[in-house]
Amino acid sequence: MDDKIAIDKNEEDEIKSQTIYNKNNALSRLEKSFDKHIDLLEYKKSDLLAYWINDFSNYHDNERFFDSSKLKKYKRGDIIKANLGFNIGRRIRGITLLCCNK
């Protein structure tokens, strides 16, 4: 029984180590991306990306407490404001058409 607990603990430690390693790699890559955009004088792109990452982090942190049953029920024609993320490009047109073709 103790061996099973030790194996599970070792597995958990390995998963935790891998997760921390992946997090550090992702943060390092993100910092390189920001530095690249800043070096290229792409301040707006860097600022929008930072804003989006901050919003995404907040959504992700609060996801487990989210209760969709408490959301307002929208009617056809209602106008809403939605944060669709960073650099959405043509996706807005698709959403507009989707809403208008119902």
Foldseek 3Di string as FASTA:
>chain_A
DVVVVVVVVVVVVVVVVVVVVVVVVVVVVLVVVLVVCVVVVVVVLSVQQVVQVVVVVVCVVCVVVDDPVPDDDDDQPDDDDDCPGHPPPCVVVVVVCVSVVD
